[in-house]
């Protein structure tokens, strides 16, 4: 039975949308793999931490988009892991990603995906692609949720299939977002911000205040 690391790169940890995406992928492989979940924002970058990752057969990394890039701690993880690998002859696992952004368009993730690709190239990971998700939080509340779950299931099966067939799968980046006009997406997003502000005791005026 193969070992798969589910790596959560969100600062929100277990409260993150990334965690929900990982859970779907993890559930698809229940009983078929030895799975372990790690949280970048809860981990010390020790040799033991990196060993647990690099001894795996595959790594599924879930990440949010932060200003066209990856969260700061994830970039730190990439730098530290490169240092760890310098003088170590280790077999490299497959690398899959699930990246989501708050924008409607999944194309906003393109730069971050290139960073992941380059990281895999520099560290020797077997880059296998993944899923680029637009409107991450909203998609879980929309009619597209079932379509997203299907895409995550397909990727989860690819994680397992390479080792079952011993045949290299094509590198694939699947793309998905909610299907709605931009003006409606903006209206819904504004409503979510107002509701979130209300929970913190802030009204619309406070949300629009400029403190500079």
Protein backbone atom coordinates (compact mmCIF):
# COMPACT_ATOMS: atom_id res chain seq x y z
CA UNK A 1 0.00 0.00 0.00
CA UNK A 2 1.45 3.35 -1.08
CA UNK A 3 2.06 6.32 1.21
CA UNK A 4 0.53 9.70 0.31
CA UNK A 5 1.20 12.95 2.17
CA UNK A 6 -1.66 15.48 2.14
CA UNK A 7 0.08 18.81 2.71
CA UNK A 8 -2.01 21.81 3.79
CA UNK A 9 -0.28 25.11 2.99
CA UNK A 10 -3.00 27.49 4.24
CA UNK A 11 -2.41 29.84 7.20
CA UNK A 12 -5.99 28.99 8.27
CA UNK A 13 -4.94 25.37 8.77
CA UNK A 14 -7.96 23.15 9.55
CA UNK A 15 -10.45 26.01 8.98
CA UNK A 16 -9.26 26.56 5.42
CA UNK A 17 -11.04 25.91 2.15
CA UNK A 18 -7.86 24.06 1.18
CA UNK A 19 -8.56 21.62 4.01
CA UNK A 20 -12.01 20.86 2.56
CA UNK A 21 -10.51 20.13 -0.85
CA UNK A 22 -7.90 17.84 0.71
CA UNK A 23 -10.60 16.03 2.67
CA UNK A 24 -12.50 15.19 -0.53
CA UNK A 25 -9.35 13.85 -2.20
CA UNK A 26 -8.39 11.95 0.95
CA UNK A 27 -11.84 10.35 1.25
CA UNK A 28 -11.58 9.13 -2.35
CA UNK A 29 -8.49 7.12 -1.45
CA UNK A 30 -9.63 5.79 1.92
CA UNK A 31 -8.52 2.20 2.39
CA UNK A 32 -6.36 2.29 -0.76
CA UNK A 33 -3.32 4.17 0.58
CA UNK A 34 -1.50 5.02 3.78
CA UNK A 35 -2.38 8.68 4.11
CA UNK A 36 -0.89 11.30 6.42
CA UNK A 37 -1.89 14.96 6.70
CA UNK A 38 0.68 17.64 7.52
CA UNK A 39 0.21 21.37 8.09
CA UNK A 40 2.98 23.67 6.87
CA UNK A 41 1.89 26.43 9.26
CA UNK A 42 2.04 24.09 12.28
CA UNK A 43 5.35 22.41 11.44
CA UNK A 44 8.98 22.99 12.29
CA UNK A 45 11.11 22.45 9.20
CA UNK A 46 13.23 19.74 10.77
CA UNK A 47 14.95 16.81 9.07
CA UNK A 48 12.21 14.55 10.43
CA UNK A 49 9.52 16.69 8.83
CA UNK A 50 11.19 16.60 5.42
CA UNK A 51 11.97 12.89 5.71
CA UNK A 52 8.28 12.10 6.24
CA UNK A 53 7.52 13.95 2.98
CA UNK A 54 10.33 12.57 0.82
CA UNK A 55 9.83 8.96 1.86
CA UNK A 56 6.24 9.13 0.54
CA UNK A 57 5.16 7.88 -2.88
CA UNK A 58 3.11 11.01 -3.60
CA UNK A 59 2.43 14.45 -2.12
CA UNK A 60 -0.86 16.31 -2.62
CA UNK A 61 -0.31 19.97 -1.71
CA UNK A 62 -3.34 22.24 -1.17
CA UNK A 63 -2.73 25.99 -1.22
CA UNK A 64 -4.55 29.33 -1.37
CA UNK A 65 -3.44 32.11 -3.71
CA UNK A 66 -1.96 35.17 -1.97
CA UNK A 67 -1.45 38.14 -4.32
CA UNK A 68 -0.56 36.04 -7.37
CA UNK A 69 1.82 33.98 -5.26
CA UNK A 70 1.93 31.35 -2.52
CA UNK A 71 1.66 32.01 1.25
CA UNK A 72 4.92 33.18 2.85
CA UNK A 73 5.37 30.06 4.97
CA UNK A 74 4.96 27.86 1.86
CA UNK A 75 7.73 29.79 0.10
CA UNK A 76 9.86 29.30 3.22
CA UNK A 77 9.08 25.57 3.12
CA UNK A 78 10.23 25.42 -0.51
CA UNK A 79 13.51 27.18 0.32
CA UNK A 80 14.22 25.03 3.38
CA UNK A 81 13.40 21.78 1.59
CA UNK A 82 15.85 22.66 -1.20
CA UNK A 83 18.55 23.10 1.45
CA UNK A 84 17.60 19.77 3.05
CA UNK A 85 17.94 17.95 -0.27
CA UNK A 86 21.33 19.34 -1.27
CA UNK A 87 23.43 16.50 0.08
CA UNK A 88 20.86 13.72 0.25
CA UNK A 89 20.31 11.00 -2.29
CA UNK A 90 16.59 10.38 -1.90
CA UNK A 91 13.91 9.05 -4.19
CA UNK A 92 11.57 11.92 -5.01
CA UNK A 93 7.78 11.47 -4.73
CA UNK A 94 5.15 12.58 -7.21
CA UNK A 95 3.84 16.11 -6.60
CA UNK A 96 0.21 17.13 -7.17
CA UNK A 97 -1.32 20.49 -6.26
CA UNK A 98 -4.76 21.90 -5.46
CA UNK A 99 -4.61 25.69 -5.63
CA UNK A 100 -7.59 27.99 -5.12
CA UNK A 101 -8.17 31.73 -5.27
CA UNK A 102 -10.97 34.08 -4.31
CA UNK A 103 -11.15 35.53 -7.80
CA UNK A 104 -13.76 34.29 -10.29
CA UNK A 105 -11.12 33.34 -12.87
CA UNK A 106 -8.86 30.35 -12.26
CA UNK A 107 -6.34 32.01 -14.58
CA UNK A 108 -5.33 34.16 -11.58
CA UNK A 109 -3.50 31.05 -10.31
CA UNK A 110 -1.22 30.73 -13.34
CA UNK A 111 1.82 32.50 -11.87
CA UNK A 112 1.65 30.48 -8.65
CA UNK A 113 1.41 27.25 -10.66
CA UNK A 114 4.59 28.21 -12.52
CA UNK A 115 6.31 28.66 -9.15
CA UNK A 116 5.25 25.14 -8.12
CA UNK A 117 6.50 23.76 -11.44
CA UNK A 118 9.87 25.47 -11.01
CA UNK A 119 10.11 24.24 -7.43
CA UNK A 120 9.52 20.65 -8.58
CA UNK A 121 12.15 21.05 -11.29
CA UNK A 122 14.75 22.36 -8.80
CA UNK A 123 14.08 19.70 -6.14
CA UNK A 124 13.50 16.67 -8.35
CA UNK A 125 9.86 16.11 -7.44
CA UNK A 126 7.98 14.17 -10.13
CA UNK A 127 5.63 17.01 -11.07
CA UNK A 128 2.22 15.60 -12.03
CA UNK A 129 0.06 18.76 -12.25
CA UNK A 130 -3.16 19.24 -10.32
CA UNK A 131 -6.24 21.44 -10.05
CA UNK A 132 -6.58 25.20 -10.47
CA UNK A 133 -9.74 26.51 -8.77
CA UNK A 134 -11.30 29.93 -9.18
CA UNK A 135 -13.84 31.30 -6.64
CA UNK A 136 -12.63 28.71 -4.13
CA UNK A 137 -14.93 29.34 -1.15
CA UNK A 138 -17.96 30.16 -3.27
CA UNK A 139 -17.68 27.05 -5.43
CA UNK A 140 -18.40 24.85 -2.42
CA UNK A 141 -21.74 26.64 -2.05
CA UNK A 142 -22.69 26.55 -5.73
CA UNK A 143 -24.08 24.12 -8.29
CA UNK A 144 -20.50 23.49 -9.38
CA UNK A 145 -19.70 21.69 -6.11
CA UNK A 146 -20.48 18.26 -7.60
CA UNK A 147 -18.33 19.02 -10.65
CA UNK A 148 -15.47 20.06 -8.38
CA UNK A 149 -15.82 16.88 -6.32
CA UNK A 150 -15.64 14.83 -9.51
CA UNK A 151 -12.43 16.62 -10.58
CA UNK A 152 -10.90 16.00 -7.13
CA UNK A 153 -11.90 12.34 -7.33
CA UNK A 154 -10.25 12.02 -10.75
CA UNK A 155 -7.02 13.52 -9.44
CA UNK A 156 -7.12 11.29 -6.36
CA UNK A 157 -7.39 8.22 -8.56
CA UNK A 158 -4.41 9.42 -10.62
CA UNK A 159 -2.39 9.65 -7.41
CA UNK A 160 -3.01 5.93 -6.92
CA UNK A 161 -3.11 4.81 -10.57
CA UNK A 162 0.53 5.54 -11.44
CA UNK A 163 1.73 3.03 -8.88
CA UNK A 164 -0.91 0.46 -9.79
CA UNK A 165 -0.10 0.50 -13.51
CA UNK A 166 3.57 1.55 -13.36
CA UNK A 167 2.86 3.67 -16.42
CA UNK A 168 3.59 7.37 -16.45
CA UNK A 169 0.43 9.46 -16.57
CA UNK A 170 0.29 12.70 -18.56
CA UNK A 171 0.82 15.84 -16.54
CA UNK A 172 -2.58 17.52 -16.29
CA UNK A 173 -3.81 20.81 -14.88
CA UNK A 174 -7.58 20.77 -14.53
CA UNK A 175 -9.38 24.11 -14.20
CA UNK A 176 -12.72 24.92 -12.62
CA UNK A 177 -14.68 27.89 -11.27
CA UNK A 178 -18.29 28.89 -10.62
CA UNK A 179 -20.37 29.49 -13.70
CA UNK A 180 -21.91 32.95 -13.31
CA UNK A 181 -21.66 36.45 -14.80
CA UNK A 182 -18.92 38.60 -13.32
CA UNK A 183 -21.36 41.24 -12.00
CA UNK A 184 -23.30 38.57 -10.09
CA UNK A 185 -20.10 37.07 -8.67
CA UNK A 186 -19.07 40.53 -7.46
CA UNK A 187 -22.47 41.10 -5.84
CA UNK A 188 -22.30 37.75 -4.04
CA UNK A 189 -18.72 38.37 -2.93
CA UNK A 190 -19.67 41.82 -1.59
CA UNK A 191 -22.52 40.22 0.35
CA UNK A 192 -20.16 37.68 1.91
CA UNK A 193 -17.80 40.47 3.01
CA UNK A 194 -20.68 42.41 4.61
CA UNK A 195 -21.84 39.28 6.45
CA UNK A 196 -18.29 38.55 7.61
CA UNK A 197 -17.91 42.16 8.81
CA UNK A 198 -21.20 42.01 10.70
CA UNK A 199 -19.92 39.02 12.67
CA UNK A 200 -17.03 41.22 13.82
CA UNK A 201 -19.29 44.17 14.65
CA UNK A 202 -18.45 46.14 11.50
CA UNK A 203 -21.05 47.79 9.26
CA UNK A 204 -20.72 48.68 5.56
CA UNK A 205 -19.34 52.12 6.34
CA UNK A 206 -16.57 50.64 8.51
CA UNK A 207 -15.67 48.14 5.78
CA UNK A 208 -15.25 50.92 3.24
CA UNK A 209 -13.28 53.24 5.54
CA UNK A 210 -9.81 54.26 4.35
CA UNK A 211 -7.18 54.32 7.06
CA UNK A 212 -4.42 55.89 4.99
